Amino acid sequence: MMHTAAAYRIARSLLERTTTPFRTFDQRDSGCVSWGVSADGDRFLDKYASIDSLDGRGLRAVNALRDAARFHAATSHPDIVPVLDCVELPEGVALLFPWVDGEVLASPEWPDRRTNPASPYCRFVRIPVKRKLAALDAIIDAHKSVIAAGYIAVDFYLGCVLYDFARHDVHLIDFDHYHLGPYVLESDRQLGSSSLMPPEEFRRGALIDERATIYTIGKMALEFLGGCRRERKTWQGPPAMYDVMRRATEPDPHDRYESYAAFAADWRAGRRGQHDPA
């Protein structure tokens, strides 16, 4: 962890505009703004939520960052970008992360990400299948740590996947809404990308447990390797692994894997038993 005094200094300098960030991310539905900043010979990402935001999202965003800090205190994995410090300010909350090179696969900067060949998403779609399988290896393994810490994935989508096209590295970001579970959904809809959410996340009073995370990860695998379709003929990965993804994405949670560990074990077994496609 970074010393709080140094993290506080970085956050204050950004708010007071005595430091010029090298990147700004301010088109976010979350109500947060993030800056890439150089300080003390290193580069960091400072993610900030103001309690006084004019659009009414301030308190929700502040509480989400506090929840994210608790998540990171409980969870550790090499492919999850860690929080270095959580800074409470009079105006709000700032989380300080190490800067990690890469491009998120979905962002407001690319509203045409599925059709623009220059978008990170389209570029990722064109990489070799073996690279996409390696990316899924990282995502699935990271969520083993998430589940082990007692958390359920919420609002995990393409914008949480940071891909370095030069090094072919994957890192995961934005865990602001991950929820200790199992829990009962108290709203008519959970946060998230509709295409990746299990049916129970659209039903008030539903039990949300690790089977929901299995579904979301399975749908992301179909996004990467199946053209977003749950059909064997569109699956680009090893044939036996399609059955793993199909079971993971059954609409009824009782028909999915009974645990995330069982899902991850079948994924690993499939990876060991197949040669990577080109």
Foldseek 3Di string as FASTA:
>chain_A
DDDQVVVVVVVVCVVVVVFDFPDKADPDPQQKIWGWGDDPNFIKIKIWAFLPDPVNNRVVSQLLVVVVLVLLVLFDDPQEFGFPDWHQDPGGIMTMTGDDDFDQQDDPVCPPSVPDCVGPVNVLLPDAQVLVLVQLLRVLVRVVRSVVSQWEQAADDSRQWGADPVVSGTHGDDRSPIGRDQDFAQDQATDYDVLQFAPQRRHHRGGDHNLRVLSNSLQVQCVNAQVSDLDQVRGRWDSVCSVLSNLSNDNDSVSHDPHSVVSSVVSVVVVVVDDTDD
